[in-house]
C-alpha atoms as a PDB file:
ATOM      1  CA  MET A   1      43.769  69.571  -8.514  1.00  0.00           C
ATOM      2  CA  ILE A   2      47.623  67.339  -7.825  1.00  0.00           C
ATOM      3  CA  ALA A   3      48.283  67.721  -4.058  1.00  0.00           C
ATOM      4  CA  THR A   4      51.968  69.454  -4.321  1.00  0.00           C
ATOM      5  CA  ASP A   5      53.355  67.306  -1.920  1.00  0.00           C
ATOM      6  CA  ASP A   6      52.985  64.742  -4.489  1.00  0.00           C
ATOM      7  CA  LEU A   7      56.014  66.716  -6.502  1.00  0.00           C
ATOM      8  CA  SER A   8      59.257  66.208  -7.046  1.00  0.00           C
ATOM      9  CA  ASP A   9      61.289  69.281  -6.110  1.00  0.00           C
ATOM     10  CA  ASP A  10      63.246  67.854  -9.973  1.00  0.00           C
ATOM     11  CA  ILE A  11      62.805  70.924 -12.369  1.00  0.00           C
ATOM     12  CA  PRO A  12      63.863  68.140 -15.337  1.00  0.00           C
ATOM     13  CA  GLN A  13      61.422  65.810 -14.125  1.00  0.00           C
ATOM     14  CA  LEU A  14      58.822  68.446 -13.511  1.00  0.00           C
ATOM     15  CA  LYS A  15      59.619  69.608 -17.092  1.00  0.00           C
ATOM     16  CA  ALA A  16      59.156  65.946 -18.673  1.00  0.00           C
ATOM     17  CA  LEU A  17      55.951  65.632 -16.701  1.00  0.00           C
ATOM     18  CA  ILE A  18      54.699  68.432 -18.508  1.00  0.00           C
ATOM     19  CA  ALA A  19      55.689  67.187 -21.443  1.00  0.00           C
ATOM     20  CA  CYS A  20      54.219  63.637 -21.053  1.00  0.00           C
ATOM     21  CA  GLN A  21      50.527  65.443 -19.921  1.00  0.00           C
ATOM     22  CA  ARG A  22      50.784  67.774 -23.267  1.00  0.00           C
ATOM     23  CA  ALA A  23      51.610  64.986 -25.512  1.00  0.00           C
ATOM     24  CA  ASP A  24      48.908  62.872 -23.769  1.00  0.00           C
ATOM     25  CA  MET A  25      46.411  66.216 -23.864  1.00  0.00           C
ATOM     26  CA  VAL A  26      47.302  66.304 -27.973  1.00  0.00           C
ATOM     27  CA  ALA A  27      46.591  62.646 -28.457  1.00  0.00           C
ATOM     28  CA  GLN A  28      42.916  62.774 -26.791  1.00  0.00           C
ATOM     29  CA  GLN A  29      42.663  65.792 -28.644  1.00  0.00           C
ATOM     30  CA  ALA A  30      43.580  63.778 -32.142  1.00  0.00           C
ATOM     31  CA  GLU A  31      41.093  61.055 -31.194  1.00  0.00           C
ATOM     32  CA  ILE A  32      38.163  63.890 -30.496  1.00  0.00           C
ATOM     33  CA  ALA A  33      38.632  65.430 -34.052  1.00  0.00           C
ATOM     34  CA  HIS A  34      38.734  62.087 -36.273  1.00  0.00           C
ATOM     35  CA  LEU A  35      36.020  61.139 -34.299  1.00  0.00           C
ATOM     36  CA  LYS A  36      33.918  63.799 -34.713  1.00  0.00           C
ATOM     37  CA  LEU A  37      34.648  63.466 -38.431  1.00  0.00           C
ATOM     38  CA  TRP A  38      33.567  60.382 -38.473  1.00  0.00           C
ATOM     39  CA  ILE A  39      30.829  61.146 -37.222  1.00  0.00           C
ATOM     40  CA  ALA A  40      30.169  64.119 -39.559  1.00  0.00           C
ATOM     41  CA  LYS A  41      30.424  61.167 -42.087  1.00  0.00           C
ATOM     42  CA  LEU A  42      28.248  59.199 -40.914  1.00  0.00           C
ATOM     43  CA  ARG A  43      25.593  61.772 -40.530  1.00  0.00           C
ATOM     44  CA  ARG A  44      25.776  62.154 -44.629  1.00  0.00           C
ATOM     45  CA  HIS A  45      25.983  58.585 -44.899  1.00  0.00           C
ATOM     46  CA  VAL A  46      22.287  58.853 -43.034  1.00  0.00           C
ATOM     47  CA  ARG A  47      20.736  61.523 -44.820  1.00  0.00           C
ATOM     48  CA  ARG A  48      21.192  60.269 -48.309  1.00  0.00           C
ATOM     49  CA  ARG A  49      20.206  56.457 -47.529  1.00  0.00           C
ATOM     50  CA  ALA A  50      18.075  56.727 -45.095  1.00  0.00           C
ATOM     51  CA  PRO A  51      14.590  56.100 -45.280  1.00  0.00           C
ATOM     52  CA  CYS A  52      12.570  59.165 -44.222  1.00  0.00           C
ATOM     53  CA  TRP A  53      11.580  58.232 -40.768  1.00  0.00           C
ATOM     54  CA  ILE A  54      14.233  58.047 -39.472  1.00  0.00           C
ATOM     55  CA  THR A  55      16.166  61.153 -41.007  1.00  0.00           C
ATOM     56  CA  ARG A  56      12.547  62.695 -40.517  1.00  0.00           C
ATOM     57  CA  ARG A  57      12.799  64.287 -43.748  1.00  0.00           C
ATOM     58  CA  ALA A  58      10.472  63.396 -46.593  1.00  0.00           C
ATOM     59  CA  PRO A  59      13.127  62.199 -50.081  1.00  0.00           C
ATOM     60  CA  SER A  60      13.882  64.047 -52.735  1.00  0.00           C
ATOM     61  CA  ALA A  61      11.003  62.437 -55.149  1.00  0.00           C
ATOM     62  CA  VAL A  62       8.445  62.835 -52.751  1.00  0.00           C
ATOM     63  CA  ARG A  63       9.173  65.791 -51.784  1.00  0.00           C
ATOM     64  CA  SER A  64       8.951  66.929 -55.790  1.00  0.00           C
ATOM     65  CA  LYS A  65       6.304  64.989 -57.606  1.00  0.00           C
ATOM     66  CA  GLY A  66       4.415  64.345 -54.444  1.00  0.00           C
ATOM     67  CA  VAL A  67       3.435  61.203 -52.382  1.00  0.00           C
ATOM     68  CA  GLY A  68       1.679  59.250 -55.235  1.00  0.00           C
ATOM     69  CA  ALA A  69       3.631  59.778 -57.883  1.00  0.00           C
ATOM     70  CA  ARG A  70       6.922  57.909 -57.244  1.00  0.00           C
ATOM     71  CA  SER A  71       8.337  55.305 -59.391  1.00  0.00           C
ATOM     72  CA  GLY A  72       9.738  52.234 -59.098  1.00  0.00           C
ATOM     73  CA  GLY A  73       9.537  49.523 -56.903  1.00  0.00           C
END
């Protein structure tokens, strides 16, 4: 909490301070949303491309055909 002794009694200055803090908060929220989007994209990418030991899921070829029936390599 901000000590009231440090604040000015000038109303326009206080309004400007509040506006600046709100702008900072909006910028931080936008950055958080951007990072959440990137995290979601990376998770989707890892699920599609990573070996099963990373995702703890069997690849679709292994699930559908069985472990020994996987082709190629």
